[in-house]
PDB file of N, CA and C in Angstrom:
ATOM      1  N   MET A   1     130.840 134.717  83.808  1.00  0.00           N
ATOM      2  CA  MET A   1     130.403 133.354  83.594  1.00  0.00           C
ATOM      3  C   MET A   1     131.249 132.412  84.437  1.00  0.00           C
ATOM      4  N   GLY A   2     130.609 131.361  84.961  1.00  0.00           N
ATOM      5  CA  GLY A   2     131.295 130.402  85.816  1.00  0.00           C
ATOM      6  C   GLY A   2     131.944 129.283  85.029  1.00  0.00           C
ATOM      7  N   PRO A   3     132.430 128.267  85.737  1.00  0.00           N
ATOM      8  CA  PRO A   3     133.117 127.153  85.099  1.00  0.00           C
ATOM      9  C   PRO A   3     132.266 126.387  84.093  1.00  0.00           C
ATOM     10  N   THR A   4     130.939 126.433  84.237  1.00  0.00           N
ATOM     11  CA  THR A   4     130.083 125.675  83.332  1.00  0.00           C
ATOM     12  C   THR A   4     129.678 126.479  82.099  1.00  0.00           C
ATOM     13  N   ALA A   5     130.291 127.616  81.868  1.00  0.00           N
ATOM     14  CA  ALA A   5     129.925 128.454  80.732  1.00  0.00           C
ATOM     15  C   ALA A   5     130.059 127.706  79.407  1.00  0.00           C
ATOM     16  N   ASP A   6     131.049 126.819  79.310  1.00  0.00           N
ATOM     17  CA  ASP A   6     131.254 126.055  78.088  1.00  0.00           C
ATOM     18  C   ASP A   6     130.864 124.593  78.261  1.00  0.00           C
ATOM     19  N   ALA A   7     129.902 124.313  79.135  1.00  0.00           N
ATOM     20  CA  ALA A   7     129.523 122.939  79.446  1.00  0.00           C
ATOM     21  C   ALA A   7     128.990 122.177  78.234  1.00  0.00           C
ATOM     22  N   ALA A   8     128.354 122.851  77.312  1.00  0.00           N
ATOM     23  CA  ALA A   8     127.768 122.167  76.162  1.00  0.00           C
ATOM     24  C   ALA A   8     128.827 121.497  75.287  1.00  0.00           C
ATOM     25  N   CYS A   9     130.033 122.029  75.262  1.00  0.00           N
ATOM     26  CA  CYS A   9     131.070 121.458  74.411  1.00  0.00           C
ATOM     27  C   CYS A   9     132.099 120.658  75.202  1.00  0.00           C
ATOM     28  N   ALA A  10     131.912 120.496  76.512  1.00  0.00           N
ATOM     29  CA  ALA A  10     132.852 119.734  77.337  1.00  0.00           C
ATOM     30  C   ALA A  10     132.533 118.245  77.261  1.00  0.00           C
ATOM     31  N   PRO A  11     133.537 117.370  77.363  1.00  0.00           N
ATOM     32  CA  PRO A  11     133.292 115.925  77.331  1.00  0.00           C
ATOM     33  C   PRO A  11     132.528 115.461  78.575  1.00  0.00           C
ATOM     34  N   ALA A  12     131.765 114.368  78.445  1.00  0.00           N
ATOM     35  CA  ALA A  12     130.953 113.858  79.553  1.00  0.00           C
ATOM     36  C   ALA A  12     131.809 113.482  80.753  1.00  0.00           C
ATOM     37  N   GLY A  13     133.067 113.116  80.546  1.00  0.00           N
ATOM     38  CA  GLY A  13     133.957 112.765  81.640  1.00  0.00           C
ATOM     39  C   GLY A  13     134.304 113.933  82.537  1.00  0.00           C
ATOM     40  N   SER A  14     133.896 115.118  82.154  1.00  0.00           N
ATOM     41  CA  SER A  14     134.158 116.310  82.950  1.00  0.00           C
ATOM     42  C   SER A  14     133.073 116.579  83.982  1.00  0.00           C
ATOM     43  N   PHE A  15     132.022 115.759  83.979  1.00  0.00           N
ATOM     44  CA  PHE A  15     130.873 116.000  84.840  1.00  0.00           C
ATOM     45  C   PHE A  15     130.468 114.732  85.579  1.00  0.00           C
ATOM     46  N   LEU A  16     129.797 114.898  86.722  1.00  0.00           N
ATOM     47  CA  LEU A  16     129.181 113.779  87.411  1.00  0.00           C
ATOM     48  C   LEU A  16     127.823 113.560  86.773  1.00  0.00           C
ATOM     49  N   CYS A  17     127.727 112.533  85.958  1.00  0.00           N
ATOM     50  CA  CYS A  17     126.486 112.262  85.248  1.00  0.00           C
ATOM     51  C   CYS A  17     126.420 110.765  84.940  1.00  0.00           C
ATOM     52  N   PRO A  18     125.233 110.241  84.608  1.00  0.00           N
ATOM     53  CA  PRO A  18     125.088 108.810  84.343  1.00  0.00           C
ATOM     54  C   PRO A  18     125.994 108.278  83.227  1.00  0.00           C
ATOM     55  N   CYS A  19     126.340 109.093  82.266  1.00  0.00           N
ATOM     56  CA  CYS A  19     127.164 108.612  81.155  1.00  0.00           C
ATOM     57  C   CYS A  19     128.664 108.665  81.454  1.00  0.00           C
ATOM     58  N   ASN A  20     129.061 109.176  82.631  1.00  0.00           N
ATOM     59  CA  ASN A  20     130.461 109.217  83.034  1.00  0.00           C
ATOM     60  C   ASN A  20     130.749 107.996  83.913  1.00  0.00           C
ATOM     61  N   HIS A  21     131.463 107.025  83.380  1.00  0.00           N
ATOM     62  CA  HIS A  21     131.755 105.791  84.108  1.00  0.00           C
ATOM     63  C   HIS A  21     133.154 105.787  84.720  1.00  0.00           C
ATOM     64  N   LYS A  22     133.837 106.898  84.674  1.00  0.00           N
ATOM     65  CA  LYS A  22     135.190 106.990  85.233  1.00  0.00           C
ATOM     66  C   LYS A  22     135.114 107.210  86.740  1.00  0.00           C
ATOM     67  N   PRO A  23     136.102 106.708  87.505  1.00  0.00           N
ATOM     68  CA  PRO A  23     136.106 106.949  88.952  1.00  0.00           C
ATOM     69  C   PRO A  23     136.376 108.429  89.268  1.00  0.00           C
ATOM     70  N   LEU A  24     135.861 108.878  90.414  1.00  0.00           N
ATOM     71  CA  LEU A  24     136.092 110.268  90.813  1.00  0.00           C
ATOM     72  C   LEU A  24     137.561 110.521  91.102  1.00  0.00           C
ATOM     73  N   ARG A  25     138.206 109.585  91.776  1.00  0.00           N
ATOM     74  CA  ARG A  25     139.639 109.702  92.066  1.00  0.00           C
ATOM     75  C   ARG A  25     140.396 109.122  90.883  1.00  0.00           C
ATOM     76  N   ARG A  26     141.005 109.972  90.111  1.00  0.00           N
ATOM     77  CA  ARG A  26     141.747 109.519  88.935  1.00  0.00           C
ATOM     78  C   ARG A  26     142.773 110.567  88.526  1.00  0.00           C
ATOM     79  N   THR A  27     143.642 110.155  87.631  1.00  0.00           N
ATOM     80  CA  THR A  27     144.585 111.109  87.065  1.00  0.00           C
ATOM     81  C   THR A  27     144.127 111.450  85.654  1.00  0.00           C
ATOM     82  N   VAL A  28     144.397 112.647  85.258  1.00  0.00           N
ATOM     83  CA  VAL A  28     144.045 113.134  83.936  1.00  0.00           C
ATOM     84  C   VAL A  28     145.307 113.106  83.089  1.00  0.00           C
ATOM     85  N   ASP A  29     145.227 112.509  81.942  1.00  0.00           N
ATOM     86  CA  ASP A  29     146.379 112.357  81.049  1.00  0.00           C
ATOM     87  C   ASP A  29     147.527 111.627  81.744  1.00  0.00           C
ATOM     88  N   GLY A  30     147.216 110.802  82.757  1.00  0.00           N
ATOM     89  CA  GLY A  30     148.222 110.027  83.455  1.00  0.00           C
ATOM     90  C   GLY A  30     149.149 110.835  84.340  1.00  0.00           C
ATOM     91  N   VAL A  31     148.895 112.128  84.490  1.00  0.00           N
ATOM     92  CA  VAL A  31     149.806 112.996  85.245  1.00  0.00           C
ATOM     93  C   VAL A  31     149.079 113.783  86.337  1.00  0.00           C
ATOM     94  N   TRP A  32     148.023 114.473  85.967  1.00  0.00           N
ATOM     95  CA  TRP A  32     147.344 115.407  86.872  1.00  0.00           C
ATOM     96  C   TRP A  32     146.250 114.705  87.664  1.00  0.00           C
ATOM     97  N   GLN A  33     146.183 114.985  88.960  1.00  0.00           N
ATOM     98  CA  GLN A  33     145.101 114.458  89.785  1.00  0.00           C
ATOM     99  C   GLN A  33     143.835 115.262  89.508  1.00  0.00           C
ATOM    100  N   ALA A  34     142.739 114.564  89.268  1.00  0.00           N
ATOM    101  CA  ALA A  34     141.472 115.247  88.987  1.00  0.00           C
ATOM    102  C   ALA A  34     140.912 115.866  90.269  1.00  0.00           C
ATOM    103  N   HIS A  35     140.387 117.063  90.152  1.00  0.00           N
ATOM    104  CA  HIS A  35     139.704 117.744  91.239  1.00  0.00           C
ATOM    105  C   HIS A  35     138.293 118.063  90.757  1.00  0.00           C
ATOM    106  N   TRP A  36     137.360 118.108  91.695  1.00  0.00           N
ATOM    107  CA  TRP A  36     135.966 118.347  91.337  1.00  0.00           C
ATOM    108  C   TRP A  36     135.466 119.623  91.990  1.00  0.00           C
ATOM    109  N   ILE A  37     134.681 120.369  91.241  1.00  0.00           N
ATOM    110  CA  ILE A  37     134.079 121.599  91.735  1.00  0.00           C
ATOM    111  C   ILE A  37     132.585 121.373  91.893  1.00  0.00           C
ATOM    112  N   LEU A  38     132.064 121.664  93.077  1.00  0.00           N
ATOM    113  CA  LEU A  38     130.638 121.603  93.333  1.00  0.00           C
ATOM    114  C   LEU A  38     130.061 122.965  92.982  1.00  0.00           C
ATOM    115  N   GLU A  39     129.099 122.984  92.089  1.00  0.00           N
ATOM    116  CA  GLU A  39     128.481 124.246  91.671  1.00  0.00           C
ATOM    117  C   GLU A  39     126.969 124.091  91.766  1.00  0.00           C
ATOM    118  N   ILE A  40     126.345 124.923  92.589  1.00  0.00           N
ATOM    119  CA  ILE A  40     124.899 124.863  92.817  1.00  0.00           C
ATOM    120  C   ILE A  40     124.289 126.204  92.431  1.00  0.00           C
ATOM    121  N   HIS A  41     123.217 126.134  91.662  1.00  0.00           N
ATOM    122  CA  HIS A  41     122.479 127.345  91.272  1.00  0.00           C
ATOM    123  C   HIS A  41     121.038 127.199  91.754  1.00  0.00           C
ATOM    124  N   LEU A  42     120.547 128.185  92.467  1.00  0.00           N
ATOM    125  CA  LEU A  42     119.160 128.220  92.926  1.00  0.00           C
ATOM    126  C   LEU A  42     118.511 129.474  92.352  1.00  0.00           C
ATOM    127  N   VAL A  43     117.351 129.302  91.727  1.00  0.00           N
ATOM    128  CA  VAL A  43     116.675 130.420  91.077  1.00  0.00           C
ATOM    129  C   VAL A  43     115.200 130.406  91.460  1.00  0.00           C
ATOM    130  N   ASP A  44     114.689 131.543  91.857  1.00  0.00           N
ATOM    131  CA  ASP A  44     113.261 131.727  92.093  1.00  0.00           C
ATOM    132  C   ASP A  44     112.752 132.631  90.975  1.00  0.00           C
ATOM    133  N   GLU A  45     112.203 132.031  89.947  1.00  0.00           N
ATOM    134  CA  GLU A  45     111.748 132.803  88.778  1.00  0.00           C
ATOM    135  C   GLU A  45     110.538 133.677  89.105  1.00  0.00           C
ATOM    136  N   ASP A  46     109.691 133.252  90.050  1.00  0.00           N
ATOM    137  CA  ASP A  46     108.523 134.049  90.411  1.00  0.00           C
ATOM    138  C   ASP A  46     108.916 135.380  91.053  1.00  0.00           C
ATOM    139  N   ARG A  47     109.974 135.356  91.863  1.00  0.00           N
ATOM    140  CA  ARG A  47     110.416 136.576  92.534  1.00  0.00           C
ATOM    141  C   ARG A  47     111.626 137.198  91.856  1.00  0.00           C
ATOM    142  N   ASP A  48     112.074 136.589  90.765  1.00  0.00           N
ATOM    143  CA  ASP A  48     113.140 137.135  89.917  1.00  0.00           C
ATOM    144  C   ASP A  48     114.462 137.358  90.666  1.00  0.00           C
ATOM    145  N   PHE A  49     114.898 136.318  91.396  1.00  0.00           N
ATOM    146  CA  PHE A  49     116.225 136.394  91.999  1.00  0.00           C
ATOM    147  C   PHE A  49     116.784 134.981  92.145  1.00  0.00           C
ATOM    148  N   GLY A  50     118.046 134.904  92.427  1.00  0.00           N
ATOM    149  CA  GLY A  50     118.690 133.610  92.604  1.00  0.00           C
ATOM    150  C   GLY A  50     120.045 133.771  93.260  1.00  0.00           C
ATOM    151  N   GLY A  51     120.700 132.640  93.424  1.00  0.00           N
ATOM    152  CA  GLY A  51     122.020 132.656  94.026  1.00  0.00           C
ATOM    153  C   GLY A  51     122.785 131.431  93.602  1.00  0.00           C
ATOM    154  N   SER A  52     124.062 131.431  93.875  1.00  0.00           N
ATOM    155  CA  SER A  52     124.879 130.279  93.495  1.00  0.00           C
ATOM    156  C   SER A  52     125.971 130.062  94.529  1.00  0.00           C
ATOM    157  N   TYR A  53     126.500 128.845  94.554  1.00  0.00           N
ATOM    158  CA  TYR A  53     127.608 128.471  95.417  1.00  0.00           C
ATOM    159  C   TYR A  53     128.574 127.655  94.591  1.00  0.00           C
ATOM    160  N   THR A  54     129.854 127.921  94.718  1.00  0.00           N
ATOM    161  CA  THR A  54     130.891 127.163  94.038  1.00  0.00           C
ATOM    162  C   THR A  54     131.979 126.846  95.060  1.00  0.00           C
ATOM    163  N   GLY A  55     132.360 125.571  95.124  1.00  0.00           N
ATOM    164  CA  GLY A  55     133.412 125.190  96.053  1.00  0.00           C
ATOM    165  C   GLY A  55     134.126 123.931  95.580  1.00  0.00           C
ATOM    166  N   LEU A  56     135.339 123.754  96.044  1.00  0.00           N
ATOM    167  CA  LEU A  56     136.136 122.588  95.701  1.00  0.00           C
ATOM    168  C   LEU A  56     135.692 121.410  96.558  1.00  0.00           C
ATOM    169  N   LEU A  57     135.353 120.275  95.930  1.00  0.00           N
ATOM    170  CA  LEU A  57     134.944 119.090  96.671  1.00  0.00           C
ATOM    171  C   LEU A  57     136.160 118.391  97.251  1.00  0.00           C
ATOM    172  N   ASN A  58     136.026 117.916  98.477  1.00  0.00           N
ATOM    173  CA  ASN A  58     137.072 117.151  99.122  1.00  0.00           C
ATOM    174  C   ASN A  58     136.626 115.688  99.142  1.00  0.00           C
ATOM    175  N   LEU A  59     137.328 114.824  98.434  1.00  0.00           N
ATOM    176  CA  LEU A  59     136.934 113.420  98.330  1.00  0.00           C
ATOM    177  C   LEU A  59     137.578 112.542  99.388  1.00  0.00           C
ATOM    178  N   ALA A  60     138.119 113.134 100.424  1.00  0.00           N
ATOM    179  CA  ALA A  60     138.792 112.367 101.492  1.00  0.00           C
ATOM    180  C   ALA A  60     137.828 111.546 102.288  1.00  0.00           C
TER     181      ALA A  60
END
C-alpha cells in the first residue's frame, strides 16, 4: 500500500484539496518543513490493468 493507504483518516491539511487553505510552503508543528508527494494512479478497467507514479514535488 502507498502513502494514501490511510487517506480516509488523515486531516485535510495533508492533501491538496479545496478545503485545505494552508500554504504549500510551511512548517509543520513550527519545526519541520512540509514536503509534498505527487501520486498519480491510472487505471483501465476495461482492459484490467493500471499503473502509478509517486515522486517528491519540488516547489522551487
